[in-house]
Amino acid sequence: MRSCPPPRTRPDPSRVLVVPDPTLYPWRIVRANVALGPEARGLLKRQGHRAQQAIDTVGLTGFEQAYPHQLSGGMAQRVALARALVNDPRLMLLDEPRGKLDSLTRLAMQGELVRPWQRSGMTALLVTHDVEEALMLAQRVVIFGPRPARIVGELVVDRPHPRHRDDPHLIALRREALALLGLSG
């Protein structure tokens, strides 16, 4: 039997949160925004190279010296993702991380969310109201009903990445998810 880890009583870089608003510091360039975690922990000299690795991972190579106002919404959100990844988290909580993005940028970022999870083996918990997004990204989708929130279903997505929207299995799962939400037909 596995023992439970000790309860956490303070912030810990092994757990990170990514929210819809990238909340970048406007006076800091991309590299400095990404390096914030190691800097705050006094590890910048030893782990500064990880900021560049995280920037490369999210596809922002060449934008290290840009300020947030010089970035598109999708780029700013990728900076926020890199800022989370630089901490090498074991658990990443994503609360509608693409919620403020236009639909094309949302589609482009799906792969950018999956690649780091696959490389590092971290656990990611994604909160989304987009059924298709959940099916494209997750291995397991837990569906909540209306208030009071309660679990109304759970779907297992056993397809490898990258996934394709026209996969008949994903289309069937989408129908099942919508039916569980009372949106069938």
C-alpha atoms as a PDB file:
ATOM      1  CA  MET A   1       0.000   0.000   0.000  1.00  0.00           C
ATOM      2  CA  ARG A   2       1.317   3.452  -0.939  1.00  0.00           C
ATOM      3  CA  SER A   3       1.756   5.949   1.808  1.00  0.00           C
ATOM      4  CA  CYS A   4       0.418   9.447   1.383  1.00  0.00           C
ATOM      5  CA  PRO A   5       2.914  12.282   1.104  1.00  0.00           C
ATOM      6  CA  PRO A   6       2.998  14.666   4.056  1.00  0.00           C
ATOM      7  CA  PRO A   7       0.521  17.541   3.865  1.00  0.00           C
ATOM      8  CA  ARG A   8       1.842  20.740   2.307  1.00  0.00           C
ATOM      9  CA  THR A   9       1.731  23.760   4.564  1.00  0.00           C
ATOM     10  CA  ARG A  10       3.383  26.357   2.327  1.00  0.00           C
ATOM     11  CA  PRO A  11       3.928  27.133  -1.353  1.00  0.00           C
ATOM     12  CA  ASP A  12       6.029  24.588  -3.175  1.00  0.00           C
ATOM     13  CA  PRO A  13       7.422  24.846  -6.719  1.00  0.00           C
ATOM     14  CA  SER A  14       6.511  21.207  -7.341  1.00  0.00           C
ATOM     15  CA  ARG A  15       2.901  22.396  -7.685  1.00  0.00           C
ATOM     16  CA  VAL A  16       2.058  25.189 -10.101  1.00  0.00           C
ATOM     17  CA  LEU A  17      -1.096  26.924 -11.268  1.00  0.00           C
ATOM     18  CA  VAL A  18      -1.721  28.369 -14.737  1.00  0.00           C
ATOM     19  CA  VAL A  19      -4.788  30.628 -15.047  1.00  0.00           C
ATOM     20  CA  PRO A  20      -6.500  32.334 -18.025  1.00  0.00           C
ATOM     21  CA  ASP A  21      -4.750  35.661 -17.423  1.00  0.00           C
ATOM     22  CA  PRO A  22      -0.986  35.248 -17.899  1.00  0.00           C
ATOM     23  CA  THR A  23      -0.266  37.845 -15.157  1.00  0.00           C
ATOM     24  CA  LEU A  24       3.154  38.749 -16.497  1.00  0.00           C
ATOM     25  CA  TYR A  25       5.171  41.543 -14.942  1.00  0.00           C
ATOM     26  CA  PRO A  26       5.099  44.287 -17.596  1.00  0.00           C
ATOM     27  CA  TRP A  27       8.533  45.673 -16.653  1.00  0.00           C
ATOM     28  CA  ARG A  28      10.228  42.277 -17.034  1.00  0.00           C
ATOM     29  CA  ILE A  29      11.242  40.793 -20.367  1.00  0.00           C
ATOM     30  CA  VAL A  30      10.097  37.276 -21.294  1.00  0.00           C
ATOM     31  CA  ARG A  31      13.235  35.624 -19.942  1.00  0.00           C
ATOM     32  CA  ALA A  32      12.942  37.444 -16.612  1.00  0.00           C
ATOM     33  CA  ASN A  33       9.244  36.572 -16.299  1.00  0.00           C
ATOM     34  CA  VAL A  34      10.005  32.901 -16.960  1.00  0.00           C
ATOM     35  CA  ALA A  35      12.957  32.869 -14.521  1.00  0.00           C
ATOM     36  CA  LEU A  36      10.882  34.279 -11.670  1.00  0.00           C
ATOM     37  CA  GLY A  37      10.542  30.964  -9.785  1.00  0.00           C
ATOM     38  CA  PRO A  38      14.239  30.065  -9.671  1.00  0.00           C
ATOM     39  CA  GLU A  39      15.073  33.701  -8.908  1.00  0.00           C
ATOM     40  CA  ALA A  40      12.633  33.844  -5.974  1.00  0.00           C
ATOM     41  CA  ARG A  41      14.167  30.671  -4.537  1.00  0.00           C
ATOM     42  CA  GLY A  42      17.731  31.975  -4.918  1.00  0.00           C
ATOM     43  CA  LEU A  43      18.538  29.381  -7.593  1.00  0.00           C
ATOM     44  CA  LEU A  44      18.896  31.620 -10.637  1.00  0.00           C
ATOM     45  CA  LYS A  45      22.662  31.152 -10.986  1.00  0.00           C
ATOM     46  CA  ARG A  46      22.373  27.363 -10.799  1.00  0.00           C
ATOM     47  CA  GLN A  47      19.107  26.970 -12.709  1.00  0.00           C
ATOM     48  CA  GLY A  48      19.036  30.021 -14.983  1.00  0.00           C
ATOM     49  CA  HIS A  49      19.585  27.837 -18.062  1.00  0.00           C
ATOM     50  CA  ARG A  50      16.220  26.178 -17.356  1.00  0.00           C
ATOM     51  CA  ALA A  51      14.441  29.426 -18.241  1.00  0.00           C
ATOM     52  CA  GLN A  52      15.771  29.163 -21.783  1.00  0.00           C
ATOM     53  CA  GLN A  53      14.781  25.495 -21.957  1.00  0.00           C
ATOM     54  CA  ALA A  54      11.229  26.381 -20.902  1.00  0.00           C
ATOM     55  CA  ILE A  55      11.095  29.220 -23.450  1.00  0.00           C
ATOM     56  CA  ASP A  56      12.236  26.806 -26.153  1.00  0.00           C
ATOM     57  CA  THR A  57       9.679  24.205 -25.025  1.00  0.00           C
ATOM     58  CA  VAL A  58       6.760  26.594 -25.535  1.00  0.00           C
ATOM     59  CA  GLY A  59       8.048  27.828 -28.897  1.00  0.00           C
ATOM     60  CA  LEU A  60       9.137  31.343 -27.950  1.00  0.00           C
ATOM     61  CA  THR A  61      12.797  31.127 -28.963  1.00  0.00           C
ATOM     62  CA  GLY A  62      13.780  34.554 -30.258  1.00  0.00           C
ATOM     63  CA  PHE A  63      11.375  36.434 -27.976  1.00  0.00           C
ATOM     64  CA  GLU A  64      13.461  36.265 -24.793  1.00  0.00           C
ATOM     65  CA  GLN A  65      14.086  40.037 -24.795  1.00  0.00           C
ATOM     66  CA  ALA A  66      10.486  41.045 -25.595  1.00  0.00           C
ATOM     67  CA  TYR A  67       8.285  42.803 -23.058  1.00  0.00           C
ATOM     68  CA  PRO A  68       4.737  41.545 -22.416  1.00  0.00           C
ATOM     69  CA  HIS A  69       3.159  44.467 -24.320  1.00  0.00           C
ATOM     70  CA  GLN A  70       5.062  43.304 -27.418  1.00  0.00           C
ATOM     71  CA  LEU A  71       3.463  39.836 -27.325  1.00  0.00           C
ATOM     72  CA  SER A  72       0.180  38.503 -28.654  1.00  0.00           C
ATOM     73  CA  GLY A  73      -2.272  36.980 -26.171  1.00  0.00           C
ATOM     74  CA  GLY A  74      -1.204  33.474 -27.158  1.00  0.00           C
ATOM     75  CA  MET A  75       2.468  34.313 -26.746  1.00  0.00           C
ATOM     76  CA  ALA A  76       1.846  35.832 -23.314  1.00  0.00           C
ATOM     77  CA  GLN A  77      -0.005  32.680 -22.277  1.00  0.00           C
ATOM     78  CA  ARG A  78       2.939  30.592 -23.474  1.00  0.00           C
ATOM     79  CA  VAL A  79       5.231  32.724 -21.290  1.00  0.00           C
ATOM     80  CA  ALA A  80       2.981  31.897 -18.328  1.00  0.00           C
ATOM     81  CA  LEU A  81       3.205  28.207 -19.232  1.00  0.00           C
ATOM     82  CA  ALA A  82       7.009  28.434 -19.485  1.00  0.00           C
ATOM     83  CA  ARG A  83       7.107  30.196 -16.098  1.00  0.00           C
ATOM     84  CA  ALA A  84       5.275  27.198 -14.636  1.00  0.00           C
ATOM     85  CA  LEU A  85       7.394  24.610 -16.457  1.00  0.00           C
ATOM     86  CA  VAL A  86      10.720  26.125 -15.349  1.00  0.00           C
ATOM     87  CA  ASN A  87       9.944  24.868 -11.848  1.00  0.00           C
ATOM     88  CA  ASP A  88       9.832  21.254 -13.120  1.00  0.00           C
ATOM     89  CA  PRO A  89       6.527  20.669 -11.320  1.00  0.00           C
ATOM     90  CA  ARG A  90       5.151  17.275 -10.413  1.00  0.00           C
ATOM     91  CA  LEU A  91       1.613  18.691 -10.473  1.00  0.00           C
ATOM     92  CA  MET A  92       0.334  21.374 -12.824  1.00  0.00           C
ATOM     93  CA  LEU A  93      -3.130  22.825 -12.256  1.00  0.00           C
ATOM     94  CA  LEU A  94      -4.530  24.517 -15.340  1.00  0.00           C
ATOM     95  CA  ASP A  95      -7.664  26.603 -14.849  1.00  0.00           C
ATOM     96  CA  GLU A  96      -8.998  27.486 -18.315  1.00  0.00           C
ATOM     97  CA  PRO A  97      -5.429  28.265 -19.461  1.00  0.00           C
ATOM     98  CA  ARG A  98      -6.599  29.077 -22.973  1.00  0.00           C
ATOM     99  CA  GLY A  99      -9.851  30.766 -21.996  1.00  0.00           C
ATOM    100  CA  LYS A 100      -8.960  34.260 -23.217  1.00  0.00           C
ATOM    101  CA  LEU A 101      -7.434  33.167 -26.511  1.00  0.00           C
ATOM    102  CA  ASP A 102      -8.986  33.272 -29.955  1.00  0.00           C
ATOM    103  CA  SER A 103     -10.030  29.923 -31.422  1.00  0.00           C
ATOM    104  CA  LEU A 104      -7.043  29.519 -33.771  1.00  0.00           C
ATOM    105  CA  THR A 105      -4.540  30.267 -31.014  1.00  0.00           C
ATOM    106  CA  ARG A 106      -6.425  27.869 -28.734  1.00  0.00           C
ATOM    107  CA  LEU A 107      -6.022  25.095 -31.295  1.00  0.00           C
ATOM    108  CA  ALA A 108      -2.328  25.840 -31.776  1.00  0.00           C
ATOM    109  CA  MET A 109      -1.684  25.756 -28.018  1.00  0.00           C
ATOM    110  CA  GLN A 110      -3.181  22.289 -27.524  1.00  0.00           C
ATOM    111  CA  GLY A 111       0.032  20.607 -28.637  1.00  0.00           C
ATOM    112  CA  GLU A 112       2.072  23.007 -26.548  1.00  0.00           C
ATOM    113  CA  LEU A 113       0.186  21.875 -23.456  1.00  0.00           C
ATOM    114  CA  VAL A 114       0.563  18.165 -24.197  1.00  0.00           C
ATOM    115  CA  ARG A 115       4.273  18.055 -25.090  1.00  0.00           C
ATOM    116  CA  PRO A 116       5.603  19.145 -21.664  1.00  0.00           C
ATOM    117  CA  TRP A 117       3.301  16.669 -19.900  1.00  0.00           C
ATOM    118  CA  GLN A 118       4.546  13.837 -22.086  1.00  0.00           C
ATOM    119  CA  ARG A 119       8.217  14.764 -21.668  1.00  0.00           C
ATOM    120  CA  SER A 120       8.245  15.224 -17.918  1.00  0.00           C
ATOM    121  CA  GLY A 121       5.654  12.720 -16.772  1.00  0.00           C
ATOM    122  CA  MET A 122       4.024  15.343 -14.545  1.00  0.00           C
ATOM    123  CA  THR A 123       0.416  15.106 -13.499  1.00  0.00           C
ATOM    124  CA  ALA A 124      -1.785  17.805 -14.980  1.00  0.00           C
ATOM    125  CA  LEU A 125      -5.287  18.711 -13.907  1.00  0.00           C
ATOM    126  CA  LEU A 126      -7.131  20.793 -16.494  1.00  0.00           C
ATOM    127  CA  VAL A 127     -10.345  22.654 -15.770  1.00  0.00           C
ATOM    128  CA  THR A 128     -12.220  23.546 -18.945  1.00  0.00           C
ATOM    129  CA  HIS A 129     -15.753  24.153 -20.184  1.00  0.00           C
ATOM    130  CA  ASP A 130     -14.735  23.015 -23.672  1.00  0.00           C
ATOM    131  CA  VAL A 131     -15.648  19.347 -24.192  1.00  0.00           C
ATOM    132  CA  GLU A 132     -13.532  19.041 -27.317  1.00  0.00           C
ATOM    133  CA  GLU A 133     -10.501  20.545 -25.564  1.00  0.00           C
ATOM    134  CA  ALA A 134     -10.857  18.030 -22.739  1.00  0.00           C
ATOM    135  CA  LEU A 135     -11.048  15.122 -25.187  1.00  0.00           C
ATOM    136  CA  MET A 136      -8.105  16.378 -27.225  1.00  0.00           C
ATOM    137  CA  LEU A 137      -5.829  16.818 -24.194  1.00  0.00           C
ATOM    138  CA  ALA A 138      -6.837  14.477 -21.384  1.00  0.00           C
ATOM    139  CA  GLN A 139      -6.551  10.784 -20.720  1.00  0.00           C
ATOM    140  CA  ARG A 140      -9.432  10.931 -18.291  1.00  0.00           C
ATOM    141  CA  VAL A 141     -12.332  13.384 -18.385  1.00  0.00           C
ATOM    142  CA  VAL A 142     -14.484  13.901 -15.310  1.00  0.00           C
ATOM    143  CA  ILE A 143     -17.755  15.638 -16.095  1.00  0.00           C
ATOM    144  CA  PHE A 144     -19.505  17.733 -13.487  1.00  0.00           C
ATOM    145  CA  GLY A 145     -23.191  18.575 -13.521  1.00  0.00           C
ATOM    146  CA  PRO A 146     -24.750  21.906 -12.613  1.00  0.00           C
ATOM    147  CA  ARG A 147     -24.859  23.354  -9.125  1.00  0.00           C
ATOM    148  CA  PRO A 148     -24.393  21.902  -6.710  1.00  0.00           C
ATOM    149  CA  ALA A 149     -21.440  20.446  -8.579  1.00  0.00           C
ATOM    150  CA  ARG A 150     -21.460  16.693  -8.681  1.00  0.00           C
ATOM    151  CA  ILE A 151     -19.758  14.139 -10.901  1.00  0.00           C
ATOM    152  CA  VAL A 152     -22.164  12.938 -13.568  1.00  0.00           C
ATOM    153  CA  GLY A 153     -19.739  10.876 -15.610  1.00  0.00           C
ATOM    154  CA  GLU A 154     -16.200   9.909 -16.406  1.00  0.00           C
ATOM    155  CA  LEU A 155     -14.699   9.150 -19.803  1.00  0.00           C
ATOM    156  CA  VAL A 156     -11.416   7.440 -20.587  1.00  0.00           C
ATOM    157  CA  VAL A 157      -9.670   8.754 -23.702  1.00  0.00           C
ATOM    158  CA  ASP A 158      -7.388   5.952 -24.831  1.00  0.00           C
ATOM    159  CA  ARG A 159      -6.027   7.591 -27.959  1.00  0.00           C
ATOM    160  CA  PRO A 160      -2.368   8.537 -28.445  1.00  0.00           C
ATOM    161  CA  HIS A 161      -1.247  12.102 -29.054  1.00  0.00           C
ATOM    162  CA  PRO A 162      -1.449  13.888 -31.365  1.00  0.00           C
ATOM    163  CA  ARG A 163      -5.186  13.361 -31.584  1.00  0.00           C
ATOM    164  CA  HIS A 164      -7.389  14.284 -34.505  1.00  0.00           C
ATOM    165  CA  ARG A 165     -10.816  15.870 -34.182  1.00  0.00           C
ATOM    166  CA  ASP A 166     -12.263  13.611 -36.874  1.00  0.00           C
ATOM    167  CA  ASP A 167     -11.315  10.404 -35.015  1.00  0.00           C
ATOM    168  CA  PRO A 168     -14.606   8.425 -34.801  1.00  0.00           C
ATOM    169  CA  HIS A 169     -13.798   7.369 -31.230  1.00  0.00           C
ATOM    170  CA  LEU A 170     -13.360  10.997 -30.129  1.00  0.00           C
ATOM    171  CA  ILE A 171     -16.572  11.971 -31.918  1.00  0.00           C
ATOM    172  CA  ALA A 172     -18.428   9.225 -30.026  1.00  0.00           C
ATOM    173  CA  LEU A 173     -16.889  10.384 -26.722  1.00  0.00           C
ATOM    174  CA  ARG A 174     -17.913  13.965 -27.503  1.00  0.00           C
ATOM    175  CA  ARG A 175     -21.512  12.844 -28.026  1.00  0.00           C
ATOM    176  CA  GLU A 176     -21.386  10.900 -24.767  1.00  0.00           C
ATOM    177  CA  ALA A 177     -19.970  13.892 -22.877  1.00  0.00           C
ATOM    178  CA  LEU A 178     -22.603  16.244 -24.279  1.00  0.00           C
ATOM    179  CA  ALA A 179     -25.353  13.761 -23.367  1.00  0.00           C
ATOM    180  CA  LEU A 180     -24.026  13.617 -19.799  1.00  0.00           C
ATOM    181  CA  LEU A 181     -24.254  17.422 -19.753  1.00  0.00           C
ATOM    182  CA  GLY A 182     -27.856  17.263 -20.984  1.00  0.00           C
ATOM    183  CA  LEU A 183     -26.951  18.639 -24.413  1.00  0.00           C
ATOM    184  CA  SER A 184     -27.635  15.632 -26.640  1.00  0.00           C
ATOM    185  CA  GLY A 185     -29.594  15.963 -29.860  1.00  0.00           C
END
